[in-house]
C-alpha cells in the first residue's frame, strides 16, 4: 500500500521547527460501496477525537488493518474479539456501529497492543473492500494528543452498514 502521508515543516520565530504530519485521507461513507462488489476505500465509519487533517510530531498514532491482524496477530486479535465483543470478526461491523466510544477505545488498545503508558485520546475506523476477494476490512487507528499539541480534532457519528 502506498503511504500518502506528507510532512509540513512549520518555522517559528527564532528558527524553531515543528513538523505537522498529514493523516491518511478518508473518503465519505457510501453504504452501497461496502459489499462484495463495492469499491469502498478508506471510507469513514466512525471516529472520536481524531485529527482533522494534520497532527503534531509530538502526538502518537498507531494503526493496523483487521485483515492483517487476523493473519499476523491471530491469537491476540481473536482473544480481544472474544473479550470485548464476545464473538469473532464477523461481529466487528456491528460492534463498531453500536459500541460506545469508550468500549471501542478499550478494544483498540488491546487489539493493537498499544503502549499502556500512553494516554490514548481518540480513534478512527475506516472501511475498505478487499479487491481480490470482496470481503470488507477495517483500518483501525488509535491517536494520543500531546498536552502541548495544537492538533485540531473531530468526532463522527457511527455509519450504518445494515439498515
N, C-alpha and C. Protein backbone atom coordinates (compact mmCIF):
# COMPACT_ATOMS: atom_id res chain seq x y z
N UNK A 1 0.83 -1.16 0.00
CA UNK A 1 0.00 0.00 0.00
C UNK A 1 0.88 1.23 0.00
N UNK A 2 0.49 2.24 -0.73
CA UNK A 2 1.23 3.47 -0.78
C UNK A 2 0.97 4.29 0.46
N UNK A 3 1.99 4.98 0.95
CA UNK A 3 1.83 5.87 2.09
C UNK A 3 1.58 7.26 1.55
N UNK A 4 0.38 7.77 1.78
CA UNK A 4 0.01 9.08 1.26
C UNK A 4 0.26 10.19 2.27
N UNK A 5 1.02 9.90 3.33
CA UNK A 5 1.26 10.92 4.33
C UNK A 5 2.30 11.91 3.83
N UNK A 6 2.16 13.14 4.27
CA UNK A 6 3.14 14.16 3.94
C UNK A 6 3.52 14.87 5.23
N UNK A 7 4.65 15.50 5.23
CA UNK A 7 5.10 16.25 6.39
C UNK A 7 5.25 17.71 6.00
N UNK A 8 4.73 18.57 6.83
CA UNK A 8 4.89 20.01 6.64
C UNK A 8 5.75 20.51 7.78
N UNK A 9 6.78 21.27 7.45
CA UNK A 9 7.65 21.86 8.46
C UNK A 9 7.19 23.30 8.69
N UNK A 10 6.88 23.63 9.93
CA UNK A 10 6.48 24.98 10.28
C UNK A 10 7.66 25.65 10.97
N UNK A 11 8.03 26.84 10.51
CA UNK A 11 9.11 27.61 11.12
C UNK A 11 8.51 28.67 12.02
N UNK A 12 8.95 28.67 13.28
CA UNK A 12 8.50 29.66 14.24
C UNK A 12 9.58 30.72 14.41
N UNK A 13 9.21 31.91 14.93
CA UNK A 13 10.22 32.93 15.20
C UNK A 13 11.34 32.35 16.06
N UNK A 14 12.55 32.72 15.74
CA UNK A 14 13.70 32.19 16.46
C UNK A 14 14.25 30.92 15.83
N UNK A 15 13.66 30.50 14.72
CA UNK A 15 14.19 29.35 14.00
C UNK A 15 13.69 28.00 14.48
N UNK A 16 12.78 27.97 15.48
CA UNK A 16 12.26 26.69 15.96
C UNK A 16 11.41 26.04 14.88
N UNK A 17 11.62 24.73 14.65
CA UNK A 17 10.86 23.98 13.65
C UNK A 17 9.91 23.01 14.34
N UNK A 18 8.77 22.79 13.72
CA UNK A 18 7.87 21.75 14.19
C UNK A 18 7.23 21.09 12.98
N UNK A 19 7.22 19.79 12.97
CA UNK A 19 6.61 19.04 11.87
C UNK A 19 5.13 18.85 12.11
N UNK A 20 4.36 18.92 11.05
CA UNK A 20 2.94 18.58 11.06
C UNK A 20 2.79 17.43 10.08
N UNK A 21 2.28 16.33 10.54
CA UNK A 21 2.14 15.13 9.72
C UNK A 21 0.69 15.00 9.27
N UNK A 22 0.50 14.64 8.03
CA UNK A 22 -0.85 14.53 7.47
C UNK A 22 -1.41 13.14 7.75
N UNK A 23 -2.67 13.10 8.21
CA UNK A 23 -3.33 11.81 8.41
C UNK A 23 -3.73 11.26 7.04
N UNK A 24 -3.80 9.95 6.94
CA UNK A 24 -4.22 9.32 5.69
C UNK A 24 -5.65 9.78 5.40
N UNK A 25 -5.92 10.28 4.20
CA UNK A 25 -7.25 10.84 3.92
C UNK A 25 -8.35 9.78 3.93
N UNK A 26 -9.49 10.20 4.42
CA UNK A 26 -10.66 9.32 4.42
C UNK A 26 -11.60 9.76 3.31
N UNK A 27 -12.46 8.84 2.90
CA UNK A 27 -13.48 9.18 1.91
C UNK A 27 -14.85 9.13 2.59
N UNK A 28 -15.83 9.84 2.06
CA UNK A 28 -17.17 9.82 2.67
C UNK A 28 -17.76 8.41 2.63
N UNK A 29 -18.57 8.11 3.62
CA UNK A 29 -19.20 6.80 3.70
C UNK A 29 -20.31 6.68 2.66
N UNK A 30 -20.32 5.56 1.94
CA UNK A 30 -21.36 5.24 0.96
C UNK A 30 -21.72 3.78 1.16
N UNK A 31 -22.84 3.54 1.82
CA UNK A 31 -23.26 2.18 2.16
C UNK A 31 -23.30 1.26 0.94
N UNK A 32 -23.64 1.79 -0.22
CA UNK A 32 -23.75 0.97 -1.43
C UNK A 32 -22.40 0.44 -1.91
N UNK A 33 -21.32 1.02 -1.44
CA UNK A 33 -19.98 0.58 -1.86
C UNK A 33 -19.34 -0.40 -0.88
N UNK A 34 -20.03 -0.68 0.23
CA UNK A 34 -19.48 -1.58 1.24
C UNK A 34 -20.15 -2.95 1.11
N UNK A 35 -19.79 -3.65 0.05
CA UNK A 35 -20.28 -5.01 -0.18
C UNK A 35 -19.27 -5.72 -1.09
N UNK A 36 -19.53 -6.97 -1.42
CA UNK A 36 -18.54 -7.75 -2.17
C UNK A 36 -18.26 -7.22 -3.57
N UNK A 37 -19.14 -6.39 -4.10
CA UNK A 37 -18.92 -5.80 -5.41
C UNK A 37 -18.60 -4.30 -5.32
N UNK A 38 -18.47 -3.81 -4.09
CA UNK A 38 -18.26 -2.38 -3.86
C UNK A 38 -16.82 -1.95 -4.06
N UNK A 39 -16.66 -0.65 -4.05
CA UNK A 39 -15.34 -0.04 -4.26
C UNK A 39 -14.90 0.78 -3.05
N UNK A 40 -15.40 0.46 -1.87
CA UNK A 40 -15.05 1.22 -0.67
C UNK A 40 -13.54 1.23 -0.47
N UNK A 41 -13.02 2.40 -0.17
CA UNK A 41 -11.59 2.55 0.10
C UNK A 41 -11.41 3.66 1.14
N UNK A 42 -11.02 3.26 2.32
CA UNK A 42 -10.82 4.19 3.44
C UNK A 42 -12.05 5.07 3.67
N UNK A 43 -13.24 4.45 3.61
CA UNK A 43 -14.47 5.19 3.88
C UNK A 43 -14.62 5.34 5.39
N UNK A 44 -14.94 6.56 5.79
CA UNK A 44 -15.07 6.81 7.22
C UNK A 44 -16.24 6.00 7.78
N UNK A 45 -15.97 5.31 8.85
CA UNK A 45 -17.01 4.53 9.50
C UNK A 45 -17.37 5.15 10.84
N UNK A 46 -16.31 5.54 11.57
CA UNK A 46 -16.54 6.18 12.87
C UNK A 46 -15.23 6.78 13.34
N UNK A 47 -15.35 7.91 14.05
CA UNK A 47 -14.15 8.49 14.66
C UNK A 47 -14.52 9.27 15.89
N UNK A 48 -13.54 9.40 16.77
CA UNK A 48 -13.73 10.11 18.03
C UNK A 48 -12.44 10.82 18.38
N UNK A 49 -12.50 12.13 18.53
CA UNK A 49 -11.33 12.94 18.89
C UNK A 49 -10.11 12.55 18.06
N UNK A 50 -10.27 12.64 16.75
CA UNK A 50 -9.22 12.26 15.80
C UNK A 50 -8.83 13.49 14.99
N UNK A 51 -7.56 13.60 14.58
CA UNK A 51 -7.13 14.78 13.83
C UNK A 51 -7.94 14.99 12.55
N UNK A 52 -8.20 16.26 12.25
CA UNK A 52 -8.95 16.58 11.04
C UNK A 52 -8.11 16.33 9.80
N UNK A 53 -6.92 16.89 9.74
CA UNK A 53 -6.04 16.73 8.58
C UNK A 53 -4.60 16.43 8.97
N UNK A 54 -4.09 17.20 9.91
CA UNK A 54 -2.69 17.08 10.31
C UNK A 54 -2.59 16.81 11.80
N UNK A 55 -1.48 16.21 12.19
CA UNK A 55 -1.21 16.05 13.62
C UNK A 55 0.22 16.45 13.90
N UNK A 56 0.47 16.80 15.14
CA UNK A 56 1.74 17.30 15.62
C UNK A 56 2.74 16.14 15.73
N UNK A 57 3.99 16.41 15.50
CA UNK A 57 5.02 15.36 15.61
C UNK A 57 5.12 14.80 17.02
N UNK A 58 4.62 15.52 18.02
CA UNK A 58 4.66 15.04 19.41
C UNK A 58 3.49 14.12 19.72
N UNK A 59 2.46 14.14 18.90
CA UNK A 59 1.31 13.25 19.09
C UNK A 59 1.72 11.82 18.74
N UNK A 60 0.94 10.86 19.21
CA UNK A 60 1.19 9.45 18.92
C UNK A 60 0.06 8.89 18.06
N UNK A 61 0.40 7.99 17.16
CA UNK A 61 -0.60 7.38 16.29
C UNK A 61 -0.13 5.97 15.96
N UNK A 62 -1.00 4.99 16.17
CA UNK A 62 -0.72 3.62 15.74
C UNK A 62 -1.92 3.11 14.94
N UNK A 63 -1.65 2.24 13.98
CA UNK A 63 -2.75 1.75 13.14
C UNK A 63 -2.46 0.33 12.69
N UNK A 64 -3.55 -0.35 12.37
CA UNK A 64 -3.46 -1.70 11.81
C UNK A 64 -4.76 -2.01 11.09
N UNK A 65 -4.69 -2.92 10.15
CA UNK A 65 -5.87 -3.36 9.41
C UNK A 65 -6.37 -4.67 10.01
N UNK A 66 -7.69 -4.81 10.09
CA UNK A 66 -8.27 -6.00 10.71
C UNK A 66 -7.86 -7.28 9.99
N UNK A 67 -7.76 -7.25 8.66
CA UNK A 67 -7.38 -8.47 7.95
C UNK A 67 -5.93 -8.86 8.24
N UNK A 68 -5.06 -7.88 8.42
CA UNK A 68 -3.65 -8.16 8.74
C UNK A 68 -3.51 -8.69 10.16
N UNK A 69 -4.31 -8.15 11.08
CA UNK A 69 -4.26 -8.66 12.45
C UNK A 69 -4.72 -10.11 12.51
N UNK A 70 -5.70 -10.46 11.68
CA UNK A 70 -6.15 -11.85 11.63
C UNK A 70 -5.05 -12.77 11.10
N UNK A 71 -4.21 -12.26 10.22
CA UNK A 71 -3.12 -13.07 9.67
C UNK A 71 -1.90 -13.09 10.57
N UNK A 72 -1.48 -11.92 11.02
CA UNK A 72 -0.19 -11.81 11.71
C UNK A 72 -0.27 -11.91 13.23
N UNK A 73 -1.38 -11.48 13.79
CA UNK A 73 -1.56 -11.49 15.25
C UNK A 73 -2.82 -12.26 15.60
N UNK A 74 -3.03 -13.38 14.94
CA UNK A 74 -4.28 -14.10 15.02
C UNK A 74 -4.71 -14.42 16.44
N UNK A 75 -3.84 -14.99 17.24
CA UNK A 75 -4.22 -15.41 18.60
C UNK A 75 -4.64 -14.22 19.45
N UNK A 76 -3.83 -13.16 19.43
CA UNK A 76 -4.18 -11.98 20.23
C UNK A 76 -5.45 -11.32 19.71
N UNK A 77 -5.55 -11.14 18.41
CA UNK A 77 -6.72 -10.46 17.85
C UNK A 77 -8.00 -11.23 18.15
N UNK A 78 -7.98 -12.54 17.96
CA UNK A 78 -9.17 -13.35 18.26
C UNK A 78 -9.52 -13.32 19.75
N UNK A 79 -8.48 -13.30 20.59
CA UNK A 79 -8.72 -13.21 22.04
C UNK A 79 -9.39 -11.88 22.39
N UNK A 80 -8.95 -10.80 21.75
CA UNK A 80 -9.55 -9.49 22.02
C UNK A 80 -10.97 -9.40 21.47
N UNK A 81 -11.22 -10.01 20.32
CA UNK A 81 -12.58 -10.06 19.79
C UNK A 81 -13.50 -10.77 20.79
N UNK A 82 -13.05 -11.89 21.30
CA UNK A 82 -13.86 -12.65 22.26
C UNK A 82 -14.05 -11.86 23.56
N UNK A 83 -12.99 -11.24 24.05
CA UNK A 83 -13.05 -10.48 25.31
C UNK A 83 -13.98 -9.27 25.21
N UNK A 84 -13.86 -8.50 24.15
CA UNK A 84 -14.60 -7.24 24.05
C UNK A 84 -15.94 -7.35 23.33
N UNK A 85 -16.04 -8.30 22.39
CA UNK A 85 -17.25 -8.40 21.58
C UNK A 85 -18.04 -9.67 21.91
N UNK A 86 -17.32 -10.70 22.34
CA UNK A 86 -17.98 -11.97 22.64
C UNK A 86 -18.22 -12.81 21.42
N UNK A 87 -17.55 -12.47 20.32
CA UNK A 87 -17.76 -13.18 19.06
C UNK A 87 -16.53 -13.01 18.17
N UNK A 88 -16.60 -13.52 16.96
CA UNK A 88 -15.50 -13.44 16.01
C UNK A 88 -15.53 -12.17 15.18
N UNK A 89 -14.69 -12.15 14.13
CA UNK A 89 -14.52 -10.95 13.32
C UNK A 89 -15.76 -10.54 12.54
N UNK A 90 -16.69 -11.47 12.32
CA UNK A 90 -17.91 -11.12 11.59
C UNK A 90 -18.79 -10.15 12.38
N UNK A 91 -18.60 -10.07 13.69
CA UNK A 91 -19.38 -9.16 14.53
C UNK A 91 -18.74 -7.77 14.63
N UNK A 92 -17.58 -7.59 14.03
CA UNK A 92 -16.87 -6.31 14.12
C UNK A 92 -17.67 -5.12 13.59
N UNK A 93 -18.33 -5.21 12.42
CA UNK A 93 -19.10 -4.05 11.94
C UNK A 93 -20.18 -3.60 12.93
N UNK A 94 -20.91 -4.55 13.49
CA UNK A 94 -21.95 -4.21 14.46
C UNK A 94 -21.38 -3.61 15.72
N UNK A 95 -20.24 -4.13 16.16
CA UNK A 95 -19.58 -3.58 17.35
C UNK A 95 -19.15 -2.14 17.10
N UNK A 96 -18.48 -1.89 15.99
CA UNK A 96 -18.03 -0.53 15.69
C UNK A 96 -19.20 0.44 15.52
N UNK A 97 -20.33 -0.08 15.10
CA UNK A 97 -21.50 0.76 14.90
C UNK A 97 -22.21 1.07 16.20
N UNK A 98 -22.30 0.08 17.10
CA UNK A 98 -23.16 0.21 18.27
C UNK A 98 -22.44 0.48 19.59
N UNK A 99 -21.17 0.14 19.69
CA UNK A 99 -20.45 0.29 20.95
C UNK A 99 -20.21 1.75 21.28
N UNK A 100 -19.99 2.02 22.55
CA UNK A 100 -19.65 3.38 22.97
C UNK A 100 -18.21 3.69 22.55
N UNK A 101 -17.88 4.97 22.55
CA UNK A 101 -16.51 5.36 22.24
C UNK A 101 -15.53 4.72 23.21
N UNK A 102 -15.91 4.63 24.47
CA UNK A 102 -15.04 4.03 25.49
C UNK A 102 -14.82 2.54 25.23
N UNK A 103 -15.87 1.83 24.81
CA UNK A 103 -15.74 0.41 24.51
C UNK A 103 -14.82 0.19 23.31
N UNK A 104 -14.97 1.04 22.29
CA UNK A 104 -14.11 0.92 21.11
C UNK A 104 -12.66 1.23 21.47
N UNK A 105 -12.45 2.27 22.27
CA UNK A 105 -11.08 2.61 22.70
C UNK A 105 -10.45 1.43 23.44
N UNK A 106 -11.19 0.82 24.35
CA UNK A 106 -10.65 -0.32 25.11
C UNK A 106 -10.28 -1.47 24.18
N UNK A 107 -11.16 -1.77 23.23
CA UNK A 107 -10.88 -2.84 22.27
C UNK A 107 -9.63 -2.53 21.45
N UNK A 108 -9.56 -1.31 20.90
CA UNK A 108 -8.42 -0.94 20.06
C UNK A 108 -7.10 -0.97 20.83
N UNK A 109 -7.10 -0.51 22.07
CA UNK A 109 -5.88 -0.55 22.88
C UNK A 109 -5.37 -1.98 23.00
N UNK A 110 -6.29 -2.91 23.26
CA UNK A 110 -5.89 -4.31 23.42
C UNK A 110 -5.54 -4.95 22.07
N UNK A 111 -6.36 -4.73 21.06
CA UNK A 111 -6.15 -5.36 19.76
C UNK A 111 -4.87 -4.87 19.08
N UNK A 112 -4.57 -3.58 19.23
CA UNK A 112 -3.37 -3.01 18.61
C UNK A 112 -2.15 -3.11 19.53
N UNK A 113 -2.37 -3.69 20.71
CA UNK A 113 -1.30 -3.85 21.70
C UNK A 113 -0.61 -2.51 21.95
N UNK A 114 -1.45 -1.51 22.22
CA UNK A 114 -0.98 -0.15 22.42
C UNK A 114 -0.21 -0.01 23.72
N UNK A 115 0.75 0.89 23.73
CA UNK A 115 1.57 1.17 24.90
C UNK A 115 0.66 1.68 26.02
N UNK A 116 0.62 0.97 27.14
CA UNK A 116 -0.26 1.33 28.25
C UNK A 116 0.18 2.61 28.95
N UNK A 117 1.41 3.04 28.75
CA UNK A 117 1.90 4.27 29.39
C UNK A 117 1.39 5.52 28.68
N UNK A 118 0.90 5.36 27.47
CA UNK A 118 0.41 6.49 26.68
C UNK A 118 -1.09 6.68 26.96
N UNK A 119 -1.51 7.94 27.14
CA UNK A 119 -2.92 8.25 27.33
C UNK A 119 -3.56 8.44 25.95
N UNK A 120 -4.16 7.38 25.43
CA UNK A 120 -4.79 7.41 24.12
C UNK A 120 -6.07 8.22 24.22
N UNK A 121 -6.26 9.14 23.28
CA UNK A 121 -7.36 10.10 23.39
C UNK A 121 -8.42 9.95 22.31
N UNK A 122 -8.14 9.26 21.22
CA UNK A 122 -9.12 9.15 20.16
C UNK A 122 -8.84 8.01 19.21
N UNK A 123 -9.73 7.84 18.24
CA UNK A 123 -9.57 6.76 17.26
C UNK A 123 -10.28 7.14 15.97
N UNK A 124 -9.96 6.39 14.92
CA UNK A 124 -10.69 6.47 13.65
C UNK A 124 -10.80 5.06 13.09
N UNK A 125 -11.98 4.74 12.60
CA UNK A 125 -12.24 3.47 11.94
C UNK A 125 -12.67 3.79 10.51
N UNK A 126 -11.94 3.28 9.53
CA UNK A 126 -12.37 3.39 8.13
C UNK A 126 -12.55 1.98 7.60
N UNK A 127 -13.31 1.86 6.53
CA UNK A 127 -13.62 0.54 5.96
C UNK A 127 -13.26 0.53 4.48
N UNK A 128 -12.75 -0.62 4.04
CA UNK A 128 -12.42 -0.84 2.63
C UNK A 128 -12.92 -2.21 2.21
N UNK A 129 -13.05 -2.40 0.91
CA UNK A 129 -13.38 -3.70 0.34
C UNK A 129 -12.11 -4.24 -0.29
N UNK A 130 -11.74 -5.48 0.09
CA UNK A 130 -10.56 -6.11 -0.50
C UNK A 130 -10.88 -6.46 -1.95
N UNK A 131 -10.09 -5.94 -2.86
CA UNK A 131 -10.36 -6.10 -4.29
C UNK A 131 -10.27 -7.56 -4.77
N UNK A 132 -9.43 -8.35 -4.13
CA UNK A 132 -9.22 -9.72 -4.59
C UNK A 132 -10.40 -10.64 -4.25
N UNK A 133 -10.94 -10.51 -3.04
CA UNK A 133 -11.98 -11.46 -2.64
C UNK A 133 -13.30 -10.81 -2.21
N UNK A 134 -13.37 -9.49 -2.14
CA UNK A 134 -14.63 -8.82 -1.87
C UNK A 134 -15.02 -8.68 -0.42
N UNK A 135 -14.20 -9.15 0.51
CA UNK A 135 -14.53 -9.01 1.93
C UNK A 135 -14.19 -7.60 2.40
N UNK A 136 -14.99 -7.10 3.36
CA UNK A 136 -14.65 -5.81 3.93
C UNK A 136 -13.62 -6.00 5.04
N UNK A 137 -12.83 -4.96 5.26
CA UNK A 137 -11.90 -4.96 6.39
C UNK A 137 -11.80 -3.54 6.90
N UNK A 138 -11.35 -3.42 8.14
CA UNK A 138 -11.31 -2.13 8.81
C UNK A 138 -9.88 -1.67 9.02
N UNK A 139 -9.66 -0.37 8.80
CA UNK A 139 -8.40 0.29 9.12
C UNK A 139 -8.65 0.94 10.49
N UNK A 140 -7.94 0.45 11.50
CA UNK A 140 -8.17 0.91 12.86
C UNK A 140 -6.97 1.74 13.31
N UNK A 141 -7.24 2.95 13.78
CA UNK A 141 -6.17 3.85 14.18
C UNK A 141 -6.47 4.43 15.56
N UNK A 142 -5.47 4.36 16.44
CA UNK A 142 -5.54 4.99 17.76
C UNK A 142 -4.71 6.25 17.74
N UNK A 143 -5.14 7.26 18.49
CA UNK A 143 -4.46 8.54 18.50
C UNK A 143 -4.31 9.03 19.94
N UNK A 144 -3.16 9.63 20.22
CA UNK A 144 -2.91 10.26 21.53
C UNK A 144 -2.41 11.68 21.29
N UNK A 145 -3.16 12.63 21.75
CA UNK A 145 -2.79 14.03 21.57
C UNK A 145 -1.84 14.46 22.69
N UNK A 146 -0.71 15.02 22.30
CA UNK A 146 0.26 15.54 23.26
C UNK A 146 -0.36 16.73 23.98
N UNK A 147 -0.09 16.90 25.28
CA UNK A 147 -0.70 18.02 26.02
C UNK A 147 -0.42 19.40 25.42
N UNK A 148 0.72 19.58 24.76
CA UNK A 148 1.06 20.87 24.17
C UNK A 148 0.75 20.96 22.68
N UNK A 149 0.08 19.96 22.15
CA UNK A 149 -0.23 19.91 20.72
C UNK A 149 -1.35 20.87 20.36
N UNK A 150 -1.27 21.42 19.16
CA UNK A 150 -2.34 22.28 18.66
C UNK A 150 -3.20 21.54 17.63
N UNK A 151 -3.09 20.24 17.58
CA UNK A 151 -3.83 19.43 16.62
C UNK A 151 -5.34 19.62 16.80
N UNK A 152 -6.03 19.90 15.70
CA UNK A 152 -7.48 20.03 15.72
C UNK A 152 -8.11 18.65 15.60
N UNK A 153 -9.10 18.38 16.45
CA UNK A 153 -9.74 17.06 16.49
C UNK A 153 -11.21 17.17 16.09
N UNK A 154 -11.75 16.05 15.61
CA UNK A 154 -13.17 15.99 15.33
C UNK A 154 -13.67 14.59 15.67
N UNK A 155 -14.97 14.49 15.78
CA UNK A 155 -15.62 13.21 16.06
C UNK A 155 -16.74 13.01 15.04
N UNK A 156 -17.10 11.76 14.82
CA UNK A 156 -18.15 11.47 13.85
C UNK A 156 -19.09 10.42 14.38
N UNK A 157 -20.36 10.55 14.02
CA UNK A 157 -21.34 9.57 14.44
C UNK A 157 -21.11 8.27 13.67
N UNK A 158 -21.53 7.15 14.25
CA UNK A 158 -21.36 5.89 13.54
C UNK A 158 -22.15 5.86 12.23
N UNK A 159 -21.62 5.18 11.27
CA UNK A 159 -22.31 4.98 10.00
C UNK A 159 -23.14 3.70 10.09
N UNK A 160 -24.11 3.59 9.24
CA UNK A 160 -24.98 2.41 9.25
C UNK A 160 -24.65 1.51 8.07
N UNK A 161 -24.07 0.34 8.38
CA UNK A 161 -23.82 -0.64 7.33
C UNK A 161 -25.09 -1.40 6.99
N UNK A 162 -25.85 -1.71 8.02
CA UNK A 162 -27.04 -2.56 7.83
C UNK A 162 -28.28 -1.78 8.24
N UNK A 163 -29.16 -1.51 7.32
CA UNK A 163 -30.40 -0.82 7.67
C UNK A 163 -31.58 -1.74 7.49
